[in-house]
Amino acid sequence: MAPGHDVARGKKEARRRVAVPSLVWQLSPLVLSQLIDAGILQLKQKIIGFHQDEVGDWVADLACGHTQHVRHNPPWQERPWVTTPEGQQSRIGVELDCKKCEEENT
């Protein structure tokens, strides 16, 4: 199986995630793009570290080489774990949807 990738199936309210075999990457770019656009295929990447951007917001470093903001900005975004080294360490290995990987594969 390709690490960091999954497929969501079923109704949007109750999605069940299934690992995607590496064969999915042998699909044509058109089919792959259609699966991503339909919300059936989501590209997940593991968090491998954190850093702060130029304005001090926390950013997750993903295994694919991309980054994603993980802000704690109550009441809109509740992520108190990002404000401490212990909280960040507890999230190493957690998978996030990588929008940049999705964009590159569409």
N, C-alpha and C. Protein backbone atom coordinates (compact mmCIF):
# COMPACT_ATOMS: atom_id res chain seq x y z
N MET A 1 0.82 -1.19 0.00
CA MET A 1 0.00 0.00 0.00
C MET A 1 0.86 1.24 0.00
N ALA A 2 0.40 2.28 -0.67
CA ALA A 2 1.14 3.53 -0.71
C ALA A 2 0.95 4.24 0.63
N PRO A 3 2.02 4.50 1.37
CA PRO A 3 1.86 5.16 2.65
C PRO A 3 1.32 6.57 2.47
N GLY A 4 0.41 6.93 3.38
CA GLY A 4 -0.09 8.29 3.38
C GLY A 4 -1.23 8.55 2.44
N HIS A 5 -1.89 7.51 1.93
CA HIS A 5 -2.99 7.73 1.01
C HIS A 5 -4.19 6.90 1.46
N ASP A 6 -5.38 7.42 1.29
CA ASP A 6 -6.57 6.65 1.60
C ASP A 6 -7.71 7.03 0.67
N VAL A 7 -8.74 6.22 0.69
CA VAL A 7 -9.93 6.47 -0.11
C VAL A 7 -11.10 6.61 0.85
N ALA A 8 -11.93 7.61 0.64
CA ALA A 8 -13.14 7.77 1.44
C ALA A 8 -14.30 7.25 0.62
N ARG A 9 -15.08 6.37 1.21
CA ARG A 9 -16.24 5.82 0.52
C ARG A 9 -17.47 6.01 1.38
N GLY A 10 -18.63 5.98 0.73
CA GLY A 10 -19.87 6.11 1.47
C GLY A 10 -20.34 7.54 1.51
N LYS A 11 -21.37 7.77 2.33
CA LYS A 11 -21.94 9.10 2.44
C LYS A 11 -20.96 10.05 3.10
N LYS A 12 -21.07 11.32 2.73
CA LYS A 12 -20.16 12.32 3.29
C LYS A 12 -20.28 12.40 4.81
N GLU A 13 -21.49 12.18 5.34
CA GLU A 13 -21.70 12.28 6.78
C GLU A 13 -20.97 11.16 7.53
N ALA A 14 -20.83 10.02 6.93
CA ALA A 14 -20.24 8.87 7.61
C ALA A 14 -19.23 8.20 6.69
N ARG A 15 -18.16 8.87 6.41
CA ARG A 15 -17.15 8.32 5.50
C ARG A 15 -16.35 7.23 6.19
N ARG A 16 -16.08 6.19 5.45
CA ARG A 16 -15.24 5.10 5.90
C ARG A 16 -13.98 5.17 5.04
N ARG A 17 -12.84 5.18 5.69
CA ARG A 17 -11.59 5.32 4.95
C ARG A 17 -10.94 3.95 4.75
N VAL A 18 -10.48 3.73 3.54
CA VAL A 18 -9.85 2.48 3.16
C VAL A 18 -8.50 2.79 2.53
N ALA A 19 -7.48 2.03 2.91
CA ALA A 19 -6.16 2.26 2.33
C ALA A 19 -6.19 1.99 0.83
N VAL A 20 -5.44 2.80 0.09
CA VAL A 20 -5.40 2.67 -1.36
C VAL A 20 -4.14 1.89 -1.74
N PRO A 21 -4.31 0.80 -2.50
CA PRO A 21 -3.12 0.07 -2.95
C PRO A 21 -2.28 0.94 -3.88
N SER A 22 -1.00 0.63 -3.96
CA SER A 22 -0.11 1.43 -4.79
C SER A 22 -0.52 1.39 -6.26
N LEU A 23 -1.34 0.43 -6.66
CA LEU A 23 -1.80 0.36 -8.04
C LEU A 23 -2.60 1.58 -8.47
N VAL A 24 -3.18 2.30 -7.49
CA VAL A 24 -3.98 3.47 -7.85
C VAL A 24 -3.15 4.49 -8.62
N TRP A 25 -1.85 4.52 -8.35
CA TRP A 25 -1.00 5.50 -9.02
C TRP A 25 -0.71 5.12 -10.46
N GLN A 26 -1.17 3.94 -10.87
CA GLN A 26 -1.04 3.53 -12.26
C GLN A 26 -2.26 3.95 -13.08
N LEU A 27 -3.25 4.55 -12.42
CA LEU A 27 -4.42 5.06 -13.13
C LEU A 27 -4.01 6.24 -14.01
N SER A 28 -4.80 6.49 -15.01
CA SER A 28 -4.50 7.64 -15.86
C SER A 28 -4.68 8.92 -15.05
N PRO A 29 -3.97 9.99 -15.41
CA PRO A 29 -4.12 11.26 -14.71
C PRO A 29 -5.57 11.75 -14.72
N LEU A 30 -6.30 11.50 -15.78
CA LEU A 30 -7.70 11.92 -15.86
C LEU A 30 -8.55 11.21 -14.82
N VAL A 31 -8.41 9.90 -14.71
CA VAL A 31 -9.18 9.13 -13.73
C VAL A 31 -8.79 9.54 -12.31
N LEU A 32 -7.50 9.68 -12.06
CA LEU A 32 -7.02 10.10 -10.75
C LEU A 32 -7.60 11.45 -10.38
N SER A 33 -7.58 12.39 -11.32
CA SER A 33 -8.14 13.71 -11.11
C SER A 33 -9.63 13.66 -10.80
N GLN A 34 -10.36 12.81 -11.51
CA GLN A 34 -11.80 12.69 -11.28
C GLN A 34 -12.09 12.12 -9.90
N LEU A 35 -11.30 11.16 -9.45
CA LEU A 35 -11.50 10.59 -8.11
C LEU A 35 -11.24 11.63 -7.03
N ILE A 36 -10.22 12.45 -7.21
CA ILE A 36 -9.91 13.51 -6.24
C ILE A 36 -11.01 14.56 -6.25
N ASP A 37 -11.41 15.01 -7.44
CA ASP A 37 -12.46 16.04 -7.54
C ASP A 37 -13.78 15.57 -6.94
N ALA A 38 -14.08 14.29 -7.06
CA ALA A 38 -15.33 13.74 -6.53
C ALA A 38 -15.27 13.52 -5.02
N GLY A 39 -14.10 13.72 -4.43
CA GLY A 39 -13.95 13.53 -3.00
C GLY A 39 -13.80 12.06 -2.61
N ILE A 40 -13.59 11.20 -3.58
CA ILE A 40 -13.43 9.77 -3.31
C ILE A 40 -12.01 9.47 -2.86
N LEU A 41 -11.05 10.12 -3.46
CA LEU A 41 -9.64 9.90 -3.14
C LEU A 41 -9.11 11.13 -2.41
N GLN A 42 -8.50 10.90 -1.27
CA GLN A 42 -7.88 11.99 -0.52
C GLN A 42 -6.43 11.60 -0.28
N LEU A 43 -5.54 12.54 -0.50
CA LEU A 43 -4.12 12.28 -0.32
C LEU A 43 -3.70 12.68 1.09
N LYS A 44 -3.33 11.71 1.87
CA LYS A 44 -2.93 11.93 3.26
C LYS A 44 -1.41 11.88 3.36
N GLN A 45 -0.86 12.74 4.20
CA GLN A 45 0.58 12.76 4.44
C GLN A 45 0.82 12.89 5.94
N LYS A 46 1.84 12.21 6.42
CA LYS A 46 2.16 12.24 7.86
C LYS A 46 2.89 13.53 8.22
N ILE A 47 2.58 14.03 9.42
CA ILE A 47 3.31 15.17 9.98
C ILE A 47 4.67 14.65 10.45
N ILE A 48 5.73 15.33 10.02
CA ILE A 48 7.09 14.92 10.43
C ILE A 48 7.77 15.99 11.29
N GLY A 49 7.16 17.16 11.40
CA GLY A 49 7.74 18.23 12.22
C GLY A 49 6.90 19.48 12.15
N PHE A 50 7.36 20.52 12.84
CA PHE A 50 6.66 21.80 12.89
C PHE A 50 7.67 22.95 12.82
N HIS A 51 7.22 24.07 12.31
CA HIS A 51 8.00 25.30 12.37
C HIS A 51 7.02 26.47 12.39
N GLN A 52 7.52 27.65 12.71
CA GLN A 52 6.69 28.85 12.68
C GLN A 52 6.99 29.64 11.42
N ASP A 53 5.92 30.23 10.84
CA ASP A 53 6.11 31.06 9.65
C ASP A 53 6.56 32.45 10.05
N GLU A 54 6.65 33.34 9.08
CA GLU A 54 7.19 34.69 9.32
C GLU A 54 6.35 35.53 10.27
N VAL A 55 5.08 35.18 10.48
CA VAL A 55 4.23 35.94 11.41
C VAL A 55 3.99 35.19 12.71
N GLY A 56 4.66 34.03 12.88
CA GLY A 56 4.56 33.29 14.13
C GLY A 56 3.50 32.22 14.18
N ASP A 57 2.79 31.97 13.07
CA ASP A 57 1.79 30.90 13.04
C ASP A 57 2.50 29.55 12.86
N TRP A 58 1.95 28.51 13.48
CA TRP A 58 2.55 27.18 13.40
C TRP A 58 2.20 26.51 12.09
N VAL A 59 3.18 25.81 11.54
CA VAL A 59 3.05 25.12 10.25
C VAL A 59 3.54 23.68 10.43
N ALA A 60 2.74 22.72 9.96
CA ALA A 60 3.15 21.31 10.00
C ALA A 60 3.99 21.01 8.76
N ASP A 61 5.11 20.33 8.97
CA ASP A 61 5.95 19.84 7.87
C ASP A 61 5.46 18.42 7.56
N LEU A 62 5.10 18.17 6.30
CA LEU A 62 4.55 16.89 5.91
C LEU A 62 5.59 16.02 5.22
N ALA A 63 5.39 14.70 5.27
CA ALA A 63 6.34 13.74 4.72
C ALA A 63 6.57 13.94 3.22
N CYS A 64 5.60 14.50 2.53
CA CYS A 64 5.72 14.72 1.08
C CYS A 64 6.60 15.91 0.74
N GLY A 65 6.95 16.71 1.76
CA GLY A 65 7.75 17.91 1.53
C GLY A 65 6.93 19.19 1.53
N HIS A 66 5.61 19.05 1.51
CA HIS A 66 4.73 20.23 1.58
C HIS A 66 4.52 20.62 3.04
N THR A 67 3.86 21.75 3.23
CA THR A 67 3.56 22.24 4.57
C THR A 67 2.08 22.60 4.66
N GLN A 68 1.58 22.66 5.90
CA GLN A 68 0.19 23.05 6.11
C GLN A 68 0.08 23.77 7.44
N HIS A 69 -0.58 24.94 7.44
CA HIS A 69 -0.78 25.66 8.68
C HIS A 69 -1.66 24.86 9.64
N VAL A 70 -1.30 24.90 10.92
CA VAL A 70 -2.09 24.27 11.98
C VAL A 70 -2.23 25.30 13.10
N ARG A 71 -3.05 26.29 12.85
CA ARG A 71 -3.20 27.42 13.77
C ARG A 71 -4.11 27.08 14.94
N HIS A 72 -3.80 27.68 16.09
CA HIS A 72 -4.71 27.68 17.23
C HIS A 72 -5.24 29.11 17.32
N ASN A 73 -6.48 29.30 16.88
CA ASN A 73 -7.06 30.62 16.78
C ASN A 73 -8.52 30.57 17.25
N PRO A 74 -8.72 30.40 18.58
CA PRO A 74 -10.09 30.29 19.09
C PRO A 74 -10.90 31.54 18.78
N PRO A 75 -12.19 31.44 18.57
CA PRO A 75 -12.99 30.20 18.60
C PRO A 75 -13.07 29.51 17.24
N TRP A 76 -12.39 30.02 16.22
CA TRP A 76 -12.51 29.46 14.88
C TRP A 76 -11.74 28.15 14.73
N GLN A 77 -10.55 28.09 15.25
CA GLN A 77 -9.74 26.88 15.16
C GLN A 77 -9.21 26.54 16.54
N GLU A 78 -9.62 25.40 17.07
CA GLU A 78 -9.20 24.96 18.40
C GLU A 78 -8.11 23.90 18.28
N ARG A 79 -6.89 24.32 18.41
CA ARG A 79 -5.75 23.40 18.37
C ARG A 79 -4.74 23.79 19.46
N PRO A 80 -5.15 23.69 20.72
CA PRO A 80 -4.23 24.10 21.79
C PRO A 80 -2.94 23.28 21.83
N TRP A 81 -2.99 22.05 21.29
CA TRP A 81 -1.80 21.19 21.29
C TRP A 81 -0.64 21.79 20.51
N VAL A 82 -0.94 22.66 19.53
CA VAL A 82 0.13 23.20 18.68
C VAL A 82 0.99 24.23 19.42
N THR A 83 0.53 24.68 20.57
CA THR A 83 1.24 25.75 21.29
C THR A 83 2.34 25.25 22.22
N THR A 84 2.45 23.92 22.39
CA THR A 84 3.49 23.39 23.28
C THR A 84 4.32 22.33 22.55
N PRO A 85 5.59 22.20 22.92
CA PRO A 85 6.42 21.15 22.32
C PRO A 85 5.84 19.75 22.56
N GLU A 86 5.28 19.52 23.75
CA GLU A 86 4.69 18.22 24.05
C GLU A 86 3.47 17.94 23.17
N GLY A 87 2.65 18.95 22.97
CA GLY A 87 1.48 18.80 22.12
C GLY A 87 1.87 18.53 20.68
N GLN A 88 2.85 19.24 20.20
CA GLN A 88 3.33 19.02 18.83
C GLN A 88 3.90 17.62 18.69
N GLN A 89 4.69 17.18 19.65
CA GLN A 89 5.29 15.85 19.60
C GLN A 89 4.21 14.77 19.55
N SER A 90 3.09 15.02 20.23
CA SER A 90 2.00 14.04 20.24
C SER A 90 1.32 13.91 18.88
N ARG A 91 1.55 14.86 18.00
CA ARG A 91 0.92 14.84 16.67
C ARG A 91 1.87 14.38 15.55
N ILE A 92 3.13 14.11 15.88
CA ILE A 92 4.05 13.59 14.88
C ILE A 92 3.50 12.24 14.40
N GLY A 93 3.42 12.07 13.10
CA GLY A 93 2.89 10.83 12.53
C GLY A 93 1.42 10.87 12.19
N VAL A 94 0.71 11.89 12.68
CA VAL A 94 -0.71 12.04 12.35
C VAL A 94 -0.81 12.44 10.87
N GLU A 95 -1.80 11.91 10.18
CA GLU A 95 -1.96 12.20 8.76
C GLU A 95 -2.93 13.35 8.53
N LEU A 96 -2.54 14.25 7.63
CA LEU A 96 -3.39 15.36 7.20
C LEU A 96 -3.63 15.24 5.70
N ASP A 97 -4.79 15.74 5.24
CA ASP A 97 -5.02 15.83 3.80
C ASP A 97 -4.06 16.87 3.26
N CYS A 98 -3.29 16.51 2.24
CA CYS A 98 -2.37 17.46 1.64
C CYS A 98 -3.01 18.03 0.37
N LYS A 99 -3.48 19.27 0.47
CA LYS A 99 -4.14 19.92 -0.66
C LYS A 99 -3.17 20.12 -1.82
N LYS A 100 -1.90 20.39 -1.51
CA LYS A 100 -0.91 20.61 -2.58
C LYS A 100 -0.67 19.32 -3.36
N CYS A 101 -0.63 18.17 -2.67
CA CYS A 101 -0.50 16.89 -3.39
C CYS A 101 -1.71 16.65 -4.27
N GLU A 102 -2.90 16.98 -3.75
CA GLU A 102 -4.12 16.83 -4.56
C GLU A 102 -4.05 17.69 -5.80
N GLU A 103 -3.61 18.96 -5.63
CA GLU A 103 -3.52 19.88 -6.77
C GLU A 103 -2.51 19.36 -7.80
N GLU A 104 -1.38 18.82 -7.34
CA GLU A 104 -0.35 18.31 -8.24
C GLU A 104 -0.82 17.08 -9.02
N ASN A 105 -1.78 16.35 -8.46
CA ASN A 105 -2.24 15.11 -9.08
C ASN A 105 -3.56 15.28 -9.82
N THR A 106 -3.99 16.52 -10.03
CA THR A 106 -5.23 16.74 -10.79
C THR A 106 -4.92 17.35 -12.13
